[in-house]
Amino acid sequence: MAEFLGEFRAALTVVSGQAPGMEHVLDQPRVLLGRGPGVDLALEDPSLERVHAALEFHGSGYGVRHLAEEGDLVVNGASVAWCELKDEDRFQLGTVVFAYLLEARRPLTL
């Protein structure tokens, strides 16, 4: 994970729904999303379950896993249970749409 995060800055941005524009930098192997409490990224949106999904690091990047008993995880328009994410992928939990963004880090030059 350290090698990946050394090469890329990974972030999740709220595109629409509650708190549009909010960004969460990904720097943990697992990030829980939902209404909370006990999640890493909490949004007070009634369409989300307390723990709705997890972003999980899997060696070459992050994937998103649906954890809620109800509702769907929709990635780029398709309903899935788990999906490996690529730069600029969008996924929806309840009424909230997120974008997964990767930014290449530039090596420091002296």
C-alpha atoms as a PDB file:
ATOM      1  CA  MET A   1       0.000   0.000   0.000  1.00  0.00           C
ATOM      2  CA  ALA A   2       2.861   2.385   0.807  1.00  0.00           C
ATOM      3  CA  GLU A   3       4.242   1.965  -2.721  1.00  0.00           C
ATOM      4  CA  PHE A   4       0.857   2.743  -4.294  1.00  0.00           C
ATOM      5  CA  LEU A   5       0.315   5.790  -2.063  1.00  0.00           C
ATOM      6  CA  GLY A   6       3.857   6.930  -2.785  1.00  0.00           C
ATOM      7  CA  GLU A   7       3.022   6.923  -6.499  1.00  0.00           C
ATOM      8  CA  PHE A   8      -0.589   8.148  -6.330  1.00  0.00           C
ATOM      9  CA  ARG A   9      -2.811  10.412  -4.283  1.00  0.00           C
ATOM     10  CA  ALA A  10      -6.144   8.596  -4.039  1.00  0.00           C
ATOM     11  CA  ALA A  11      -9.276  10.485  -3.028  1.00  0.00           C
ATOM     12  CA  LEU A  12     -13.034  10.181  -2.925  1.00  0.00           C
ATOM     13  CA  THR A  13     -15.109  13.255  -3.800  1.00  0.00           C
ATOM     14  CA  VAL A  14     -18.842  13.708  -3.284  1.00  0.00           C
ATOM     15  CA  VAL A  15     -20.250  14.640  -6.711  1.00  0.00           C
ATOM     16  CA  SER A  16     -23.920  14.977  -5.756  1.00  0.00           C
ATOM     17  CA  GLY A  17     -26.156  14.410  -2.795  1.00  0.00           C
ATOM     18  CA  GLN A  18     -25.322  15.694   0.659  1.00  0.00           C
ATOM     19  CA  ALA A  19     -22.025  17.658   0.931  1.00  0.00           C
ATOM     20  CA  PRO A  20     -21.126  18.005  -2.781  1.00  0.00           C
ATOM     21  CA  GLY A  21     -17.460  18.827  -3.249  1.00  0.00           C
ATOM     22  CA  MET A  22     -16.397  17.166   0.003  1.00  0.00           C
ATOM     23  CA  GLU A  23     -13.171  15.223  -0.471  1.00  0.00           C
ATOM     24  CA  HIS A  24     -11.768  12.345   1.572  1.00  0.00           C
ATOM     25  CA  VAL A  25      -8.134  11.367   0.959  1.00  0.00           C
ATOM     26  CA  LEU A  26      -7.656   7.593   1.004  1.00  0.00           C
ATOM     27  CA  ASP A  27      -4.692   6.553   3.123  1.00  0.00           C
ATOM     28  CA  GLN A  28      -6.018   3.480   4.970  1.00  0.00           C
ATOM     29  CA  PRO A  29      -6.423  -0.106   3.778  1.00  0.00           C
ATOM     30  CA  ARG A  30     -10.183   0.014   4.514  1.00  0.00           C
ATOM     31  CA  VAL A  31     -12.500   3.029   4.633  1.00  0.00           C
ATOM     32  CA  LEU A  32     -16.101   2.529   5.787  1.00  0.00           C
ATOM     33  CA  LEU A  33     -18.825   4.769   4.321  1.00  0.00           C
ATOM     34  CA  GLY A  34     -22.322   5.392   5.649  1.00  0.00           C
ATOM     35  CA  ARG A  35     -24.397   7.446   8.084  1.00  0.00           C
ATOM     36  CA  GLY A  36     -22.287   6.365  11.064  1.00  0.00           C
ATOM     37  CA  PRO A  37     -21.409   6.259  13.836  1.00  0.00           C
ATOM     38  CA  GLY A  38     -18.337   4.086  13.509  1.00  0.00           C
ATOM     39  CA  VAL A  39     -17.573   4.828   9.868  1.00  0.00           C
ATOM     40  CA  ASP A  40     -14.592   6.681   8.418  1.00  0.00           C
ATOM     41  CA  LEU A  41     -16.643   8.828   6.040  1.00  0.00           C
ATOM     42  CA  ALA A  42     -20.043   9.716   7.512  1.00  0.00           C
ATOM     43  CA  LEU A  43     -22.792  11.558   5.636  1.00  0.00           C
ATOM     44  CA  GLU A  44     -26.070  12.309   7.375  1.00  0.00           C
ATOM     45  CA  ASP A  45     -28.162  11.179   4.446  1.00  0.00           C
ATOM     46  CA  PRO A  46     -31.289   9.094   5.175  1.00  0.00           C
ATOM     47  CA  SER A  47     -30.756   7.087   1.965  1.00  0.00           C
ATOM     48  CA  LEU A  48     -27.561   5.607   3.446  1.00  0.00           C
ATOM     49  CA  GLU A  49     -27.426   2.791   5.950  1.00  0.00           C
ATOM     50  CA  ARG A  50     -25.304   3.137   9.070  1.00  0.00           C
ATOM     51  CA  VAL A  51     -22.510   1.163   7.375  1.00  0.00           C
ATOM     52  CA  HIS A  52     -23.263   1.148   3.654  1.00  0.00           C
ATOM     53  CA  ALA A  53     -20.018   0.305   1.829  1.00  0.00           C
ATOM     54  CA  ALA A  54     -16.259  -0.045   2.190  1.00  0.00           C
ATOM     55  CA  LEU A  55     -13.366   1.080   0.044  1.00  0.00           C
ATOM     56  CA  GLU A  56     -10.731  -1.649   0.285  1.00  0.00           C
ATOM     57  CA  PHE A  57      -7.120  -1.583  -0.873  1.00  0.00           C
ATOM     58  CA  HIS A  58      -6.268  -4.754  -2.765  1.00  0.00           C
ATOM     59  CA  GLY A  59      -2.668  -4.454  -3.985  1.00  0.00           C
ATOM     60  CA  SER A  60      -2.914  -2.292  -7.086  1.00  0.00           C
ATOM     61  CA  GLY A  61      -5.576   0.165  -5.957  1.00  0.00           C
ATOM     62  CA  TYR A  62      -8.938   0.428  -4.276  1.00  0.00           C
ATOM     63  CA  GLY A  63     -12.175  -1.408  -4.799  1.00  0.00           C
ATOM     64  CA  VAL A  64     -15.612  -0.683  -3.390  1.00  0.00           C
ATOM     65  CA  ARG A  65     -17.731  -3.317  -1.607  1.00  0.00           C
ATOM     66  CA  HIS A  66     -21.454  -3.094  -0.848  1.00  0.00           C
ATOM     67  CA  LEU A  67     -22.160  -3.871   2.826  1.00  0.00           C
ATOM     68  CA  ALA A  68     -25.745  -2.639   3.242  1.00  0.00           C
ATOM     69  CA  GLU A  69     -28.675  -4.981   3.650  1.00  0.00           C
ATOM     70  CA  GLU A  70     -30.819  -2.756   1.435  1.00  0.00           C
ATOM     71  CA  GLY A  71     -30.174  -0.537  -1.534  1.00  0.00           C
ATOM     72  CA  ASP A  72     -27.615  -0.962  -4.261  1.00  0.00           C
ATOM     73  CA  LEU A  73     -24.038  -0.101  -5.052  1.00  0.00           C
ATOM     74  CA  VAL A  74     -24.024   1.308  -8.577  1.00  0.00           C
ATOM     75  CA  VAL A  75     -20.644   1.774 -10.296  1.00  0.00           C
ATOM     76  CA  ASN A  76     -20.672   3.623 -13.613  1.00  0.00           C
ATOM     77  CA  GLY A  77     -24.343   2.739 -14.069  1.00  0.00           C
ATOM     78  CA  ALA A  78     -24.115  -0.986 -13.188  1.00  0.00           C
ATOM     79  CA  SER A  79     -25.360  -2.543  -9.958  1.00  0.00           C
ATOM     80  CA  VAL A  80     -22.548  -4.579  -8.347  1.00  0.00           C
ATOM     81  CA  ALA A  81     -21.584  -6.154  -5.023  1.00  0.00           C
ATOM     82  CA  TRP A  82     -17.854  -5.373  -5.450  1.00  0.00           C
ATOM     83  CA  CYS A  83     -15.877  -3.531  -8.089  1.00  0.00           C
ATOM     84  CA  GLU A  84     -12.254  -2.568  -8.616  1.00  0.00           C
ATOM     85  CA  LEU A  85     -12.130   1.195  -9.112  1.00  0.00           C
ATOM     86  CA  LYS A  86     -10.269   3.081 -11.815  1.00  0.00           C
ATOM     87  CA  ASP A  87      -9.486   6.782 -11.990  1.00  0.00           C
ATOM     88  CA  GLU A  88     -12.631   8.904 -12.428  1.00  0.00           C
ATOM     89  CA  ASP A  89     -15.037   6.014 -11.770  1.00  0.00           C
ATOM     90  CA  ARG A  90     -18.314   7.138 -10.225  1.00  0.00           C
ATOM     91  CA  PHE A  91     -20.374   5.137  -7.821  1.00  0.00           C
ATOM     92  CA  GLN A  92     -23.659   5.723  -6.062  1.00  0.00           C
ATOM     93  CA  LEU A  93     -24.776   4.763  -2.558  1.00  0.00           C
ATOM     94  CA  GLY A  94     -28.381   5.722  -1.875  1.00  0.00           C
ATOM     95  CA  THR A  95     -28.758   9.184  -3.402  1.00  0.00           C
ATOM     96  CA  VAL A  96     -25.071  10.111  -2.972  1.00  0.00           C
ATOM     97  CA  VAL A  97     -22.724   9.963  -5.976  1.00  0.00           C
ATOM     98  CA  PHE A  98     -18.964   9.714  -5.410  1.00  0.00           C
ATOM     99  CA  ALA A  99     -15.990  10.026  -7.768  1.00  0.00           C
ATOM    100  CA  TYR A 100     -12.802   8.032  -7.231  1.00  0.00           C
ATOM    101  CA  LEU A 101      -9.815  10.115  -8.289  1.00  0.00           C
ATOM    102  CA  LEU A 102      -6.162   9.225  -8.660  1.00  0.00           C
ATOM    103  CA  GLU A 103      -3.460  11.851  -9.075  1.00  0.00           C
ATOM    104  CA  ALA A 104       0.098  10.835  -9.948  1.00  0.00           C
ATOM    105  CA  ARG A 105       2.586  12.234  -7.476  1.00  0.00           C
ATOM    106  CA  ARG A 106       5.531  14.018  -9.032  1.00  0.00           C
ATOM    107  CA  PRO A 107       8.925  12.990  -7.693  1.00  0.00           C
ATOM    108  CA  LEU A 108      10.757  15.739  -5.838  1.00  0.00           C
ATOM    109  CA  THR A 109      13.699  17.148  -7.715  1.00  0.00           C
ATOM    110  CA  LEU A 110      16.602  18.726  -5.898  1.00  0.00           C
END
